[in-house]
Amino acid sequence: MNQIFAKYGTVIMIVVWIAIIYFFMVMPNKKKQKKQKAMMESLKDGDEIVTIGGVKGTIARVEESFVVIKIDKGTHMTIRKSAVAVVLD
């Protein structure tokens, strides 16, 4: 056993570190991206949102890549779907 570890110890440690990095950094990031994509696809008229810039508004119209939000009476803003941080309940 000691001879195997002496020969391949460095390779084994590199593989272990790659596995640790994958499970603690890559997988949670993929999960977060999947959740964000599902949220963007579920946007609909009337949803109250907050943008990544902190602007709160109500969705007036959903387009392919953009969302038009109503901020106040007569005030609308067009933003990218990816700029939506959270959908309020």
Protein backbone atom coordinates (compact mmCIF):
# COMPACT_ATOMS: atom_id res chain seq x y z
CA MET A 1 0.00 0.00 0.00
CA ASN A 2 2.81 2.41 0.88
CA GLN A 3 4.50 1.73 -2.44
CA ILE A 4 1.33 2.57 -4.35
CA PHE A 5 0.86 5.81 -2.42
CA ALA A 6 4.53 6.67 -2.88
CA LYS A 7 4.23 6.22 -6.66
CA TYR A 8 0.80 7.76 -7.22
CA GLY A 9 0.28 9.94 -4.14
CA THR A 10 0.53 13.23 -5.99
CA VAL A 11 -1.90 12.10 -8.68
CA ILE A 12 -4.35 10.84 -6.06
CA MET A 13 -4.20 14.15 -4.17
CA ILE A 14 -4.79 16.15 -7.38
CA VAL A 15 -7.83 14.01 -8.21
CA VAL A 16 -9.17 14.44 -4.66
CA TRP A 17 -8.75 18.24 -4.85
CA ILE A 18 -10.46 18.38 -8.25
CA ALA A 19 -13.39 16.40 -6.82
CA ILE A 20 -13.61 18.71 -3.80
CA ILE A 21 -13.57 21.82 -5.99
CA TYR A 22 -16.23 20.33 -8.27
CA PHE A 23 -18.62 19.39 -5.47
CA PHE A 24 -18.23 22.62 -3.48
CA MET A 25 -17.93 25.20 -6.26
CA VAL A 26 -19.18 23.95 -9.63
CA MET A 27 -22.30 22.01 -8.61
CA PRO A 28 -23.85 24.76 -6.44
CA ASN A 29 -23.18 27.28 -9.22
CA LYS A 30 -24.94 25.07 -11.78
CA LYS A 31 -27.91 24.71 -9.43
CA LYS A 32 -28.10 28.50 -8.99
CA GLN A 33 -27.95 29.06 -12.77
CA LYS A 34 -30.72 26.52 -13.34
CA LYS A 35 -32.93 28.25 -10.73
CA GLN A 36 -32.25 31.69 -12.29
CA LYS A 37 -33.12 30.39 -15.78
CA ALA A 38 -36.39 28.87 -14.54
CA MET A 39 -37.29 32.16 -12.85
CA MET A 40 -36.62 34.13 -16.05
CA GLU A 41 -38.75 31.76 -18.12
CA SER A 42 -41.66 32.01 -15.67
CA LEU A 43 -41.93 35.83 -15.80
CA LYS A 44 -45.41 37.00 -16.74
CA ASP A 45 -47.44 40.20 -16.92
CA GLY A 46 -48.44 41.54 -13.51
CA ASP A 47 -45.52 40.02 -11.57
CA GLU A 48 -43.87 42.39 -9.10
CA ILE A 49 -40.10 42.30 -9.45
CA VAL A 50 -36.92 43.87 -8.13
CA THR A 51 -34.02 44.36 -10.53
CA ILE A 52 -30.36 43.80 -9.73
CA GLY A 53 -30.08 47.61 -9.52
CA GLY A 54 -32.75 47.75 -6.82
CA VAL A 55 -35.59 49.13 -8.97
CA LYS A 56 -39.01 47.77 -7.98
CA GLY A 57 -41.77 47.54 -10.56
CA THR A 58 -44.59 45.52 -12.09
CA ILE A 59 -44.14 43.67 -15.37
CA ALA A 60 -46.23 45.31 -18.09
CA ARG A 61 -45.02 43.20 -21.02
CA VAL A 62 -42.69 40.24 -21.51
CA GLU A 63 -40.68 40.05 -24.71
CA GLU A 64 -38.14 37.48 -25.92
CA SER A 65 -35.06 38.89 -24.17
CA PHE A 66 -36.51 41.96 -22.47
CA VAL A 67 -39.16 42.87 -19.93
CA VAL A 68 -41.04 46.17 -19.83
CA ILE A 69 -41.77 47.16 -16.24
CA LYS A 70 -44.11 49.84 -14.92
CA ILE A 71 -42.39 51.81 -12.20
CA ASP A 72 -45.00 54.51 -11.63
CA LYS A 73 -48.02 56.00 -13.45
CA GLY A 74 -46.92 56.54 -17.03
CA THR A 75 -43.32 55.52 -16.31
CA HIS A 76 -42.07 52.36 -17.99
CA MET A 77 -38.58 50.91 -18.25
CA THR A 78 -37.28 48.20 -20.58
CA ILE A 79 -34.73 45.85 -19.00
CA ARG A 80 -33.09 42.56 -19.91
CA LYS A 81 -34.64 39.47 -18.35
CA SER A 82 -31.28 38.68 -16.76
CA ALA A 83 -31.51 41.97 -14.80
CA VAL A 84 -34.42 40.63 -12.76
CA ALA A 85 -33.08 39.73 -9.33
CA VAL A 86 -36.23 38.48 -7.61
CA VAL A 87 -39.94 38.04 -8.20
CA LEU A 88 -41.93 39.28 -5.22
CA ASP A 89 -44.90 37.28 -3.95
